[in-house]
Amino acid sequence: MSFRLRVLALLALIALTATGATAWLTLRQAASQARDSVTAGRQDVARITGALQTYGLEHGTWDGVAPTVRRLAADTGQRIRVSTETDVLLADSDALAGRTPRPAGGQPPVLVDPRPRLRLPETSVPLASVKRTVTAIADYRSAVTYAACLTRAGARITARTGRTGIPRITADRDRAQCVRPDPGADTRAGEDHAAVSRCSGEQRLTACLQRVFNERTAALAPPRLQVGLGFRGEAPAGLAAAPTVAVASGVALVAVLGALLLSRAVLRPVRALTSAARDLGEGELERRVPVSGRDEMAELGRTFNRMARSLQAAEERQRRLTADIAHELRTPLANLRGYLEALRDGVVEPTPELLDSLHEEAMLQQRIVDDLQDLALAEAGALTYHRAVVDLGELLETSRTAHLAQAETAGVTLRTEAPRPVRVHADADRLRQVVGNLVGNALRATAPGGTVTLSAERRDGTAVLRVRDTGTGIPAEQLPHLFDRFWRADAARGRTTGGSGLGLAIARQIITDHDGTIEATSRPGTGTTFTVTLDAVE
């Protein structure tokens, strides 16, 4: 996978992970808080309705309920509005707190019935339950009347529920105006007994008795309440800040860790390249960077290593060239110096033969210097070319004529093969220099009786020039070095017999400047063929 795709995939993974984690944690937190809110709401409702029902059961009236409503609102944080079923307002926590009552909320009011639930034994016979119910009605009438009176008198009341669920009322002190009624003196006992007796045939005896109880005590019991909680437009409970901050911090931490991993993956090869480039600039040309993978950073590392190898090879060629030049010039210059000192000291006579030999040696040094200058100009792109349409057949014939005497002296047959005109757009003098170098090398490598053939042909829009000899040939392992400076196929050849060692390097640069190619093929004992290809013209 490419480096760009890996970066995108990592960023997408971080974004998706962060988004998913945020969504999951937020939903989980919201669901948890919603459950907690519902549970707390139910608990508040149960607490409020339970407290109000207990108040009505103990006091037998709703008088004085306001302090209880105020306390419940403070404890639960709810807005509480208490009214009867006929919408007679009994207490409002907003008004009790000294502020303008807010509109009632959209939630339906909760009903609170202060009348007790009868406790009748499950195993009792219908007649016993009927008698207990009649007694419970009379007891409740007595208790509720007494409790209401005590409440209005300001007494502190304590209620304890009896066997049948009817409260037994006691006060911290008796009030003269509150006389406890005698349940047995109730003149309505006969009516109560008749009403309760109608439930004897009912299958759901307990429910029937409770209903009759409620009907017979409705006139004295406190009215049922409608308890409204909340207010209209009340904002729902928001998410707690601490868990939200924790979620955001966790997501930010994941994003930072992902960014650190990404930066580490990016900067590790960058730091390696920076260090290697610094070392390379300080002269450590053997410095390389480790490369693995096939992404853009790996390709950058391979490119850097190729550049380092090229610089190292160029430096090595430069050093080798300097050493080769020094080697090529040292021996002939030492010879010239020795002969000149001998002539100065009178040790050697200045004969014409000696002077001709010294002149020839000086000319060889001049030729090396000229070749070096041509090669430097060619490699720098500063060599001047005068291009024109050139017929390769005529150029080969001219070269054959120029080297014919050398070929005859060596006993080598020199011939040309150009059956049809082959024309190129090139510098004729520079091409003759190339061909002359190739022919000279071929003649030196060919034994007497051999043949050197110069040929030119046109093939698919390309001009192909060949110089083929039947000489000793070149080993395959030496072919890659043919065009190196000062390289000679035969180490035994000296400067006199083997040339300056720069001719092929100059020839390759000239052909390259003409947008052509030059290559060599050889087989030891059979001969060597140099092939030059150039763009042909009509």
Protein backbone atom coordinates (compact mmCIF):
# COMPACT_ATOMS: atom_id res chain seq x y z
CA MET A 1 0.00 0.00 0.00
CA SER A 2 1.34 3.44 -0.89
CA PHE A 3 2.35 5.91 1.80
CA ARG A 4 -0.48 8.28 0.84
CA LEU A 5 -3.09 5.54 1.19
CA ARG A 6 -1.63 4.47 4.51
CA VAL A 7 -1.82 8.04 5.81
CA LEU A 8 -5.42 8.39 4.58
CA ALA A 9 -6.35 5.02 6.06
CA LEU A 10 -4.82 5.94 9.42
CA LEU A 11 -6.55 9.33 9.48
CA ALA A 12 -9.85 7.70 8.52
CA LEU A 13 -9.36 5.08 11.24
CA ILE A 14 -8.66 7.78 13.83
CA ALA A 15 -11.69 9.80 12.70
CA LEU A 16 -14.00 6.78 12.64
CA THR A 17 -12.72 5.52 15.98
CA ALA A 18 -13.07 8.93 17.58
CA THR A 19 -16.54 9.47 16.11
CA GLY A 20 -17.70 5.97 17.03
CA ALA A 21 -16.28 6.22 20.54
CA THR A 22 -17.85 9.62 21.05
CA ALA A 23 -21.22 8.48 19.73
CA TRP A 24 -21.18 5.23 21.73
CA LEU A 25 -20.07 6.85 24.98
CA THR A 26 -22.49 9.76 24.55
CA LEU A 27 -25.41 7.43 23.82
CA ARG A 28 -24.45 5.22 26.73
CA GLN A 29 -24.16 8.22 29.01
CA ALA A 30 -27.44 9.67 27.76
CA ALA A 31 -29.23 6.33 28.19
CA SER A 32 -27.78 5.90 31.68
CA GLN A 33 -28.75 9.40 32.72
CA ALA A 34 -32.19 8.95 31.17
CA ARG A 35 -32.69 5.77 33.18
CA ASP A 36 -31.40 7.48 36.29
CA SER A 37 -33.67 10.46 35.61
CA VAL A 38 -36.71 8.22 35.12
CA THR A 39 -35.88 6.26 38.26
CA ALA A 40 -35.31 9.44 40.22
CA GLY A 41 -38.55 10.87 38.83
CA ARG A 42 -40.50 7.81 39.88
CA GLN A 43 -38.91 7.91 43.29
CA ASP A 44 -39.79 11.60 43.63
CA VAL A 45 -43.39 10.94 42.60
CA ALA A 46 -43.65 8.04 45.03
CA ARG A 47 -42.14 10.11 47.81
CA ILE A 48 -44.41 13.12 47.19
CA THR A 49 -47.63 11.12 46.81
CA GLY A 50 -46.73 8.93 49.79
CA ALA A 51 -46.04 11.93 52.00
CA LEU A 52 -49.28 13.65 50.96
CA GLN A 53 -51.31 10.47 51.42
CA THR A 54 -49.80 9.99 54.88
CA TYR A 55 -50.63 13.59 55.73
CA GLY A 56 -54.27 13.16 54.66
CA LEU A 57 -54.53 9.86 56.52
CA GLU A 58 -53.08 11.29 59.73
CA HIS A 59 -54.77 14.69 59.76
CA GLY A 60 -58.14 13.93 58.17
CA THR A 61 -57.99 17.27 56.36
CA TRP A 62 -55.75 19.16 53.91
CA ASP A 63 -55.54 22.15 56.19
CA GLY A 64 -51.94 22.96 57.00
CA VAL A 65 -50.53 20.91 54.07
CA ALA A 66 -48.48 23.87 52.77
CA PRO A 67 -45.38 23.25 54.98
CA THR A 68 -45.31 19.63 53.82
CA VAL A 69 -45.48 20.75 50.17
CA ARG A 70 -42.70 23.29 50.75
CA ARG A 71 -40.47 20.65 52.36
CA LEU A 72 -41.12 18.12 49.58
CA ALA A 73 -40.30 20.71 46.88
CA ALA A 74 -37.05 21.60 48.62
CA ASP A 75 -36.05 17.96 49.06
CA THR A 76 -36.90 16.76 45.52
CA GLY A 77 -36.30 19.94 43.53
CA GLN A 78 -39.73 19.55 41.94
CA ARG A 79 -42.31 22.24 41.38
CA ILE A 80 -45.42 20.86 43.21
CA ARG A 81 -48.98 22.11 42.69
CA VAL A 82 -51.63 20.51 44.93
CA SER A 83 -55.31 20.93 44.18
CA THR A 84 -58.56 19.02 44.63
CA GLU A 85 -60.34 17.21 41.85
CA THR A 86 -62.55 20.29 41.49
CA ASP A 87 -59.37 22.35 40.89
CA VAL A 88 -59.42 24.10 44.24
CA LEU A 89 -55.79 25.11 44.83
CA LEU A 90 -54.46 23.96 48.17
CA ALA A 91 -50.73 24.71 47.84
CA ASP A 92 -48.17 25.70 45.17
CA SER A 93 -44.44 25.44 45.82
CA ASP A 94 -43.76 28.44 43.58
CA ALA A 95 -46.06 30.66 45.62
CA LEU A 96 -44.67 29.24 48.83
CA ALA A 97 -41.15 30.12 47.60
CA GLY A 98 -42.23 33.70 46.93
CA ARG A 99 -42.22 33.68 43.13
CA THR A 100 -44.95 33.88 40.52
CA PRO A 101 -46.45 30.44 39.92
CA ARG A 102 -45.37 29.04 36.58
CA PRO A 103 -47.88 27.40 34.23
CA ALA A 104 -48.52 23.76 35.02
CA GLY A 105 -46.47 21.26 33.03
CA GLY A 106 -47.68 19.01 30.26
CA GLN A 107 -47.55 15.90 32.47
CA PRO A 108 -50.92 14.63 33.70
CA PRO A 109 -51.54 15.22 37.41
CA VAL A 110 -51.10 12.39 39.90
CA LEU A 111 -54.14 11.44 42.02
CA VAL A 112 -53.68 11.02 45.77
CA ASP A 113 -56.48 9.33 47.77
CA PRO A 114 -55.98 9.81 51.52
CA ARG A 115 -58.48 7.13 52.56
CA PRO A 116 -56.91 4.01 54.01
CA ARG A 117 -56.78 0.63 52.35
CA LEU A 118 -58.67 -1.96 54.35
CA ARG A 119 -56.73 -4.89 55.70
CA LEU A 120 -58.99 -7.92 55.63
CA PRO A 121 -57.71 -11.44 56.28
CA GLU A 122 -57.56 -13.50 53.11
CA THR A 123 -58.86 -16.61 54.89
CA SER A 124 -61.74 -14.98 56.75
CA VAL A 125 -65.36 -15.88 55.96
CA PRO A 126 -67.53 -13.23 54.26
CA LEU A 127 -69.54 -12.56 57.41
CA ALA A 128 -66.42 -11.74 59.46
CA SER A 129 -65.13 -9.40 56.73
CA VAL A 130 -68.49 -7.65 56.60
CA LYS A 131 -68.45 -7.09 60.36
CA ARG A 132 -64.88 -5.77 60.24
CA THR A 133 -65.77 -3.41 57.43
CA VAL A 134 -68.75 -1.99 59.36
CA THR A 135 -66.47 -1.49 62.35
CA ALA A 136 -63.75 0.07 60.15
CA ILE A 137 -66.23 2.59 58.73
CA ALA A 138 -67.31 3.69 62.16
CA ASP A 139 -63.70 3.82 63.42
CA TYR A 140 -62.54 5.87 60.43
CA ARG A 141 -65.36 8.38 60.84
CA SER A 142 -64.41 8.82 64.44
CA ALA A 143 -60.65 9.02 63.69
CA VAL A 144 -60.89 11.44 60.78
CA THR A 145 -63.21 13.78 62.66
CA TYR A 146 -60.92 13.81 65.67
CA ALA A 147 -57.73 14.24 63.58
CA ALA A 148 -59.24 17.15 61.64
CA CYS A 149 -60.18 18.91 64.82
CA LEU A 150 -56.74 18.42 66.34
CA THR A 151 -55.09 19.68 63.17
CA ARG A 152 -57.19 22.86 63.16
CA ALA A 153 -56.37 23.29 66.83
CA GLY A 154 -52.63 23.11 66.09
CA ALA A 155 -51.89 19.91 67.94
CA ARG A 156 -49.08 17.59 66.89
CA ILE A 157 -50.66 14.34 65.75
CA THR A 158 -49.36 10.83 65.71
CA ALA A 159 -51.20 8.12 63.75
CA ARG A 160 -50.68 4.39 64.06
CA THR A 161 -52.44 2.00 61.73
CA GLY A 162 -54.53 -0.73 63.32
CA ARG A 163 -55.35 -4.25 62.17
CA THR A 164 -57.88 -3.09 59.62
CA GLY A 165 -55.74 -0.25 58.28
CA ILE A 166 -57.66 2.47 60.13
CA PRO A 167 -55.36 5.01 61.81
CA ARG A 168 -55.40 5.41 65.56
CA ILE A 169 -54.94 9.09 66.38
CA THR A 170 -53.02 10.44 69.34
CA ALA A 171 -51.95 14.00 70.10
CA ASP A 172 -49.14 15.56 72.13
CA ARG A 173 -51.83 17.13 74.33
CA ASP A 174 -55.60 17.02 74.44
CA ARG A 175 -57.61 19.89 73.23
CA ALA A 176 -60.80 20.74 75.11
CA GLN A 177 -62.67 21.56 71.97
CA CYS A 178 -61.72 18.25 70.33
CA VAL A 179 -63.73 15.39 71.87
CA ARG A 180 -62.99 11.92 70.51
CA PRO A 181 -66.27 10.60 69.02
CA ASP A 182 -67.62 7.26 70.22
CA PRO A 183 -67.78 4.88 67.25
CA GLY A 184 -70.49 2.86 68.92
CA ALA A 185 -72.77 5.88 69.13
CA ASP A 186 -72.82 6.33 65.38
CA THR A 187 -76.52 6.49 64.38
CA ARG A 188 -75.60 5.39 60.86
CA ALA A 189 -74.32 1.97 61.92
CA GLY A 190 -77.46 0.26 60.66
CA GLU A 191 -77.16 1.92 57.28
CA ASP A 192 -73.48 0.97 57.15
CA HIS A 193 -74.28 -2.63 57.95
CA ALA A 194 -76.96 -2.77 55.25
CA ALA A 195 -74.61 -1.30 52.66
CA VAL A 196 -71.77 -3.64 53.55
CA SER A 197 -74.02 -6.68 53.61
CA ARG A 198 -74.71 -6.29 49.91
CA CYS A 199 -71.10 -7.42 49.24
CA SER A 200 -71.68 -10.84 50.80
CA GLY A 201 -72.57 -12.40 47.45
CA GLU A 202 -69.76 -10.75 45.49
CA GLN A 203 -66.91 -12.92 44.21
CA ARG A 204 -64.40 -10.08 44.71
CA LEU A 205 -65.38 -9.47 48.30
CA THR A 206 -62.36 -7.38 49.28
CA ALA A 207 -62.75 -4.97 46.35
CA CYS A 208 -66.47 -4.61 47.04
CA LEU A 209 -65.91 -3.91 50.72
CA GLN A 210 -63.24 -1.29 49.87
CA ARG A 211 -65.62 0.40 47.48
CA VAL A 212 -68.43 0.50 50.07
CA PHE A 213 -65.93 1.78 52.64
CA ASN A 214 -64.95 4.63 50.32
CA GLU A 215 -68.56 5.50 49.59
CA ARG A 216 -69.64 5.54 53.24
CA THR A 217 -66.66 7.65 54.31
CA ALA A 218 -66.58 10.05 51.39
CA ALA A 219 -68.47 12.78 53.23
CA LEU A 220 -65.92 12.97 56.08
CA ALA A 221 -62.63 11.97 54.37
CA PRO A 222 -60.43 14.65 52.82
CA PRO A 223 -61.06 15.02 49.06
CA ARG A 224 -58.73 13.32 46.61
CA LEU A 225 -55.84 15.46 45.44
CA GLN A 226 -54.46 16.25 42.00
CA VAL A 227 -50.72 16.70 42.32
CA GLY A 228 -49.06 18.48 39.37
CA LEU A 229 -45.28 18.18 39.02
CA GLY A 230 -43.04 20.43 36.93
CA PHE A 231 -44.06 23.34 34.75
CA ARG A 232 -44.68 24.08 31.12
CA GLY A 233 -41.47 24.64 29.05
CA GLU A 234 -39.27 22.96 31.63
CA ALA A 235 -35.93 22.07 30.04
CA PRO A 236 -35.06 18.39 30.15
CA ALA A 237 -32.16 17.37 32.29
CA GLY A 238 -28.91 17.89 30.41
CA LEU A 239 -25.97 15.57 30.24
CA ALA A 240 -23.60 15.78 33.13
CA ALA A 241 -20.51 17.83 32.32
CA ALA A 242 -17.94 15.54 33.92
CA PRO A 243 -18.67 12.42 31.79
CA THR A 244 -18.85 14.57 28.66
CA VAL A 245 -15.46 16.10 29.42
CA ALA A 246 -14.07 12.62 30.11
CA VAL A 247 -15.39 11.38 26.75
CA ALA A 248 -13.92 14.39 24.91
CA SER A 249 -10.60 13.94 26.70
CA GLY A 250 -10.50 10.26 25.78
CA VAL A 251 -11.24 10.99 22.12
CA ALA A 252 -8.62 13.75 22.10
CA LEU A 253 -6.09 11.37 23.63
CA VAL A 254 -6.81 8.76 20.95
CA ALA A 255 -6.43 11.41 18.22
CA VAL A 256 -3.13 12.63 19.71
CA LEU A 257 -1.78 9.08 19.95
CA GLY A 258 -2.80 8.44 16.35
CA ALA A 259 -1.13 11.66 15.26
CA LEU A 260 2.03 10.68 17.15
CA LEU A 261 2.09 7.29 15.46
CA LEU A 262 1.57 8.93 12.07
CA SER A 263 4.26 11.55 12.67
CA ARG A 264 6.63 8.85 13.87
CA ALA A 265 6.00 6.77 10.76
CA VAL A 266 6.56 9.83 8.58
CA LEU A 267 9.51 11.35 10.40
CA ARG A 268 11.54 8.17 10.91
CA PRO A 269 12.54 7.83 7.23
CA VAL A 270 12.78 11.63 6.92
CA ARG A 271 15.24 11.76 9.83
CA ALA A 272 17.22 8.90 8.29
CA LEU A 273 17.35 10.73 4.96
CA THR A 274 18.37 13.99 6.68
CA SER A 275 21.20 12.28 8.55
CA ALA A 276 22.38 10.46 5.42
CA ALA A 277 22.26 13.67 3.35
CA ARG A 278 24.28 15.48 6.02
CA ASP A 279 26.90 12.72 6.03
CA LEU A 280 26.94 12.70 2.24
CA GLY A 281 27.57 16.42 2.21
CA GLU A 282 30.49 15.92 4.60
CA GLY A 283 32.14 13.49 2.20
CA GLU A 284 30.86 10.09 3.39
CA LEU A 285 29.91 8.94 -0.09
CA GLU A 286 29.40 5.35 1.02
CA ARG A 287 26.46 6.43 3.25
CA ARG A 288 23.12 4.74 2.42
CA VAL A 289 19.67 4.64 4.00
CA PRO A 290 17.82 1.38 4.81
CA VAL A 291 14.85 0.86 2.49
CA SER A 292 11.86 -1.42 2.94
CA GLY A 293 8.43 -1.44 1.36
CA ARG A 294 7.18 -0.05 -1.92
CA ASP A 295 5.51 3.22 -0.93
CA GLU A 296 6.56 6.79 -1.74
CA MET A 297 8.98 7.04 1.19
CA ALA A 298 10.66 3.80 0.15
CA GLU A 299 10.96 5.10 -3.41
CA LEU A 300 12.49 8.31 -2.05
CA GLY A 301 15.02 6.24 -0.12
CA ARG A 302 15.91 4.18 -3.20
CA THR A 303 16.30 7.37 -5.24
CA PHE A 304 18.61 8.80 -2.57
CA ASN A 305 20.71 5.63 -2.59
CA ARG A 306 20.96 5.75 -6.39
CA MET A 307 22.09 9.37 -6.16
CA ALA A 308 24.66 8.47 -3.51
CA ARG A 309 25.96 5.61 -5.66
CA SER A 310 26.21 7.95 -8.67
CA LEU A 311 28.10 10.53 -6.63
CA GLN A 312 30.42 7.86 -5.26
CA ALA A 313 31.00 6.46 -8.76
CA ALA A 314 31.66 9.97 -10.12
CA GLU A 315 34.10 10.65 -7.30
CA GLU A 316 35.85 7.36 -7.94
CA ARG A 317 36.02 8.11 -11.68
CA GLN A 318 37.45 11.53 -10.92
CA ARG A 319 40.12 10.04 -8.68
CA ARG A 320 40.89 7.33 -11.19
CA LEU A 321 41.10 9.90 -13.99
CA THR A 322 43.53 12.01 -11.98
CA ALA A 323 45.63 8.94 -11.21
CA ASP A 324 45.50 7.81 -14.86
CA ILE A 325 46.56 11.23 -16.14
CA ALA A 326 49.41 11.33 -13.66
CA HIS A 327 50.44 7.83 -14.70
CA GLU A 328 50.21 8.59 -18.41
CA LEU A 329 52.29 11.75 -18.14
CA ARG A 330 54.78 10.73 -15.47
CA THR A 331 56.86 8.23 -17.51
CA PRO A 332 57.21 10.20 -20.77
CA LEU A 333 57.94 13.42 -18.89
CA ALA A 334 60.56 11.61 -16.81
CA ASN A 335 62.15 10.32 -20.04
CA LEU A 336 62.14 13.80 -21.59
CA ARG A 337 63.64 15.27 -18.42
CA GLY A 338 66.35 12.61 -18.30
CA TYR A 339 67.38 13.12 -21.92
CA LEU A 340 67.33 16.92 -21.60
CA GLU A 341 69.52 16.79 -18.46
CA ALA A 342 71.89 14.38 -20.24
CA LEU A 343 72.08 16.73 -23.24
CA ARG A 344 72.72 19.69 -20.93
CA ASP A 345 75.50 17.83 -19.12
CA GLY A 346 77.06 16.60 -22.38
CA VAL A 347 76.53 12.99 -21.49
CA VAL A 348 74.52 12.29 -24.68
CA GLU A 349 75.25 13.63 -28.11
CA PRO A 350 72.34 15.60 -29.76
CA THR A 351 72.03 13.36 -32.78
CA PRO A 352 69.14 13.85 -35.27
CA GLU A 353 67.68 10.48 -34.29
CA LEU A 354 67.56 11.47 -30.60
CA LEU A 355 66.00 14.81 -31.37
CA ASP A 356 63.34 13.13 -33.57
CA SER A 357 62.56 10.67 -30.75
CA LEU A 358 62.20 13.51 -28.22
CA HIS A 359 59.96 15.43 -30.62
CA GLU A 360 57.78 12.37 -31.16
CA GLU A 361 57.44 11.92 -27.39
CA ALA A 362 56.44 15.56 -26.99
CA MET A 363 53.81 15.14 -29.73
CA LEU A 364 52.36 12.11 -27.89
CA GLN A 365 51.99 14.22 -24.75
CA GLN A 366 50.38 16.94 -26.84
CA ARG A 367 47.93 14.40 -28.25
CA ILE A 368 46.97 13.23 -24.74
CA VAL A 369 46.38 16.82 -23.65
CA ASP A 370 44.31 17.52 -26.78
CA ASP A 371 42.23 14.38 -26.22
CA LEU A 372 41.61 15.34 -22.60
CA GLN A 373 40.47 18.78 -23.69
CA ASP A 374 38.13 17.32 -26.33
CA LEU A 375 36.68 14.89 -23.76
CA ALA A 376 36.15 17.63 -21.17
CA LEU A 377 34.43 19.86 -23.72
CA ALA A 378 32.25 16.99 -24.96
CA GLU A 379 31.17 15.95 -21.45
CA ALA A 380 30.47 19.58 -20.55
CA GLY A 381 28.37 20.02 -23.68
CA ALA A 382 30.72 22.74 -24.92
CA LEU A 383 32.13 20.91 -27.94
CA THR A 384 31.23 22.76 -31.12
CA TYR A 385 29.45 20.82 -33.91
CA HIS A 386 28.86 21.96 -37.48
CA ARG A 387 26.01 19.76 -38.60
CA ALA A 388 25.14 19.03 -42.20
CA VAL A 389 23.82 16.14 -44.28
CA VAL A 390 26.57 13.52 -44.46
CA ASP A 391 26.70 10.40 -46.65
CA LEU A 392 28.12 7.63 -44.48
CA GLY A 393 29.33 5.68 -47.52
CA GLU A 394 31.53 8.60 -48.62
CA LEU A 395 32.70 9.17 -45.02
CA LEU A 396 33.76 5.51 -44.70
CA GLU A 397 35.59 5.62 -48.01
CA THR A 398 37.47 8.74 -46.88
CA SER A 399 38.46 7.01 -43.65
CA ARG A 400 39.57 3.91 -45.60
CA THR A 401 41.80 6.03 -47.78
CA ALA A 402 43.32 7.77 -44.76
CA HIS A 403 44.20 4.46 -43.04
CA LEU A 404 45.07 2.43 -46.11
CA ALA A 405 48.83 2.93 -45.73
CA GLN A 406 48.69 1.84 -42.06
CA ALA A 407 46.66 -1.23 -43.06
CA GLU A 408 49.07 -2.23 -45.80
CA THR A 409 52.00 -1.84 -43.43
CA ALA A 410 50.24 -4.12 -40.91
CA GLY A 411 49.31 -6.64 -43.62
CA VAL A 412 45.57 -6.15 -42.96
CA THR A 413 42.88 -5.87 -45.62
CA LEU A 414 40.76 -2.73 -45.20
CA ARG A 415 37.50 -2.56 -47.14
CA THR A 416 34.13 -0.76 -47.15
CA GLU A 417 30.57 -2.02 -47.73
CA ALA A 418 27.96 0.66 -48.53
CA PRO A 419 25.81 -0.53 -51.45
CA ARG A 420 23.24 2.30 -51.08
CA PRO A 421 23.52 5.91 -49.90
CA VAL A 422 22.93 6.32 -46.15
CA ARG A 423 22.61 9.94 -45.01
CA VAL A 424 22.60 11.46 -41.52
CA HIS A 425 22.53 14.99 -40.15
CA ALA A 426 25.82 15.29 -38.29
CA ASP A 427 29.23 16.95 -38.03
CA ALA A 428 31.36 15.20 -40.69
CA ASP A 429 34.69 15.99 -39.02
CA ARG A 430 33.57 14.61 -35.64
CA LEU A 431 32.18 11.45 -37.27
CA ARG A 432 35.50 10.97 -39.11
CA GLN A 433 37.21 11.33 -35.71
CA VAL A 434 34.99 8.56 -34.33
CA VAL A 435 35.50 6.26 -37.31
CA GLY A 436 39.24 6.98 -37.35
CA ASN A 437 39.53 5.95 -33.71
CA LEU A 438 37.58 2.73 -34.32
CA VAL A 439 39.59 1.86 -37.44
CA GLY A 440 42.91 2.58 -35.70
CA ASN A 441 41.96 0.28 -32.79
CA ALA A 442 40.80 -2.45 -35.22
CA LEU A 443 44.04 -2.32 -37.19
CA ARG A 444 46.14 -2.59 -34.03
CA ALA A 445 44.07 -5.57 -32.81
CA THR A 446 44.14 -7.49 -36.12
CA ALA A 447 47.01 -9.80 -37.01
CA PRO A 448 48.58 -9.79 -40.49
CA GLY A 449 46.29 -11.47 -43.00
CA GLY A 450 43.17 -10.32 -41.16
CA THR A 451 40.41 -8.03 -42.40
CA VAL A 452 38.80 -4.83 -41.15
CA THR A 453 35.43 -4.06 -42.72
CA LEU A 454 33.66 -0.68 -42.67
CA SER A 455 29.93 -0.93 -43.49
CA ALA A 456 26.89 1.38 -43.55
CA GLU A 457 23.23 0.52 -44.09
CA ARG A 458 19.80 1.96 -43.48
CA ARG A 459 17.33 0.00 -41.37
CA ASP A 460 13.81 1.29 -40.46
CA GLY A 461 14.74 4.96 -40.47
CA THR A 462 18.02 4.34 -38.66
CA ALA A 463 21.54 4.60 -40.07
CA VAL A 464 23.75 1.74 -38.85
CA LEU A 465 27.57 2.06 -39.13
CA ARG A 466 29.80 -0.89 -38.24
CA VAL A 467 33.55 -1.39 -37.91
CA ARG A 468 34.27 -5.14 -37.82
CA ASP A 469 37.66 -6.80 -37.48
CA THR A 470 38.94 -10.35 -37.34
CA GLY A 471 41.37 -9.65 -34.52
CA THR A 472 42.00 -11.22 -31.16
CA GLY A 473 38.69 -10.16 -29.66
CA ILE A 474 37.90 -8.90 -26.16
CA PRO A 475 36.85 -11.07 -23.19
CA ALA A 476 33.26 -10.61 -22.10
CA GLU A 477 34.21 -9.38 -18.62
CA GLN A 478 36.19 -6.51 -20.16
CA LEU A 479 33.47 -5.25 -22.52
CA PRO A 480 31.79 -2.99 -19.88
CA HIS A 481 35.09 -1.09 -19.49
CA LEU A 482 35.74 -0.40 -23.18
CA PHE A 483 34.60 3.22 -22.98
CA ASP A 484 36.37 4.07 -19.71
CA ARG A 485 39.14 6.65 -19.77
CA PHE A 486 42.69 5.32 -20.18
CA TRP A 487 41.46 1.75 -20.42
CA ARG A 488 43.20 -0.65 -22.85
CA ALA A 489 41.98 -4.13 -23.74
CA ASP A 490 45.60 -5.36 -23.95
CA ALA A 491 47.59 -4.26 -20.90
CA ALA A 492 50.79 -4.97 -22.80
CA ARG A 493 50.07 -2.16 -25.25
CA GLY A 494 51.80 1.09 -24.40
CA ARG A 495 51.07 4.64 -25.40
CA THR A 496 52.87 4.16 -28.70
CA THR A 497 51.02 1.02 -29.76
CA GLY A 498 47.81 1.39 -27.83
CA GLY A 499 46.92 5.08 -28.18
CA SER A 500 46.10 7.51 -25.38
CA GLY A 501 43.26 5.39 -23.93
CA LEU A 502 40.79 8.25 -24.39
CA GLY A 503 39.62 7.64 -27.96
CA LEU A 504 36.61 5.42 -27.18
CA ALA A 505 35.45 7.69 -24.36
CA ILE A 506 35.55 10.65 -26.77
CA ALA A 507 33.81 8.62 -29.48
CA ARG A 508 30.95 7.65 -27.13
CA GLN A 509 30.43 11.27 -26.07
CA ILE A 510 30.38 12.51 -29.68
CA ILE A 511 27.82 9.87 -30.70
CA THR A 512 25.74 10.65 -27.60
CA ASP A 513 25.74 14.34 -28.56
CA HIS A 514 24.36 13.26 -31.95
CA ASP A 515 21.48 11.42 -30.17
CA GLY A 516 22.94 8.08 -31.23
CA THR A 517 24.34 4.98 -29.58
CA ILE A 518 27.62 3.08 -29.80
CA GLU A 519 28.15 -0.45 -28.54
CA ALA A 520 30.59 -3.30 -28.96
CA THR A 521 30.26 -7.05 -29.35
CA SER A 522 33.21 -9.40 -29.32
CA ARG A 523 34.25 -13.02 -29.18
CA PRO A 524 37.83 -13.89 -28.24
CA GLY A 525 39.71 -15.38 -31.20
CA THR A 526 37.03 -14.27 -33.69
CA GLY A 527 37.03 -10.47 -33.64
CA THR A 528 35.21 -7.39 -32.45
CA THR A 529 32.38 -5.33 -33.96
CA PHE A 530 31.60 -1.72 -33.02
CA THR A 531 28.07 -0.60 -34.03
CA VAL A 532 27.02 3.07 -34.26
CA THR A 533 23.35 3.97 -34.78
CA LEU A 534 22.15 7.43 -35.82
CA ASP A 535 18.89 8.88 -37.10
CA ALA A 536 18.81 8.66 -40.88
CA VAL A 537 17.59 11.48 -43.15
CA GLU A 538 16.32 11.44 -46.71
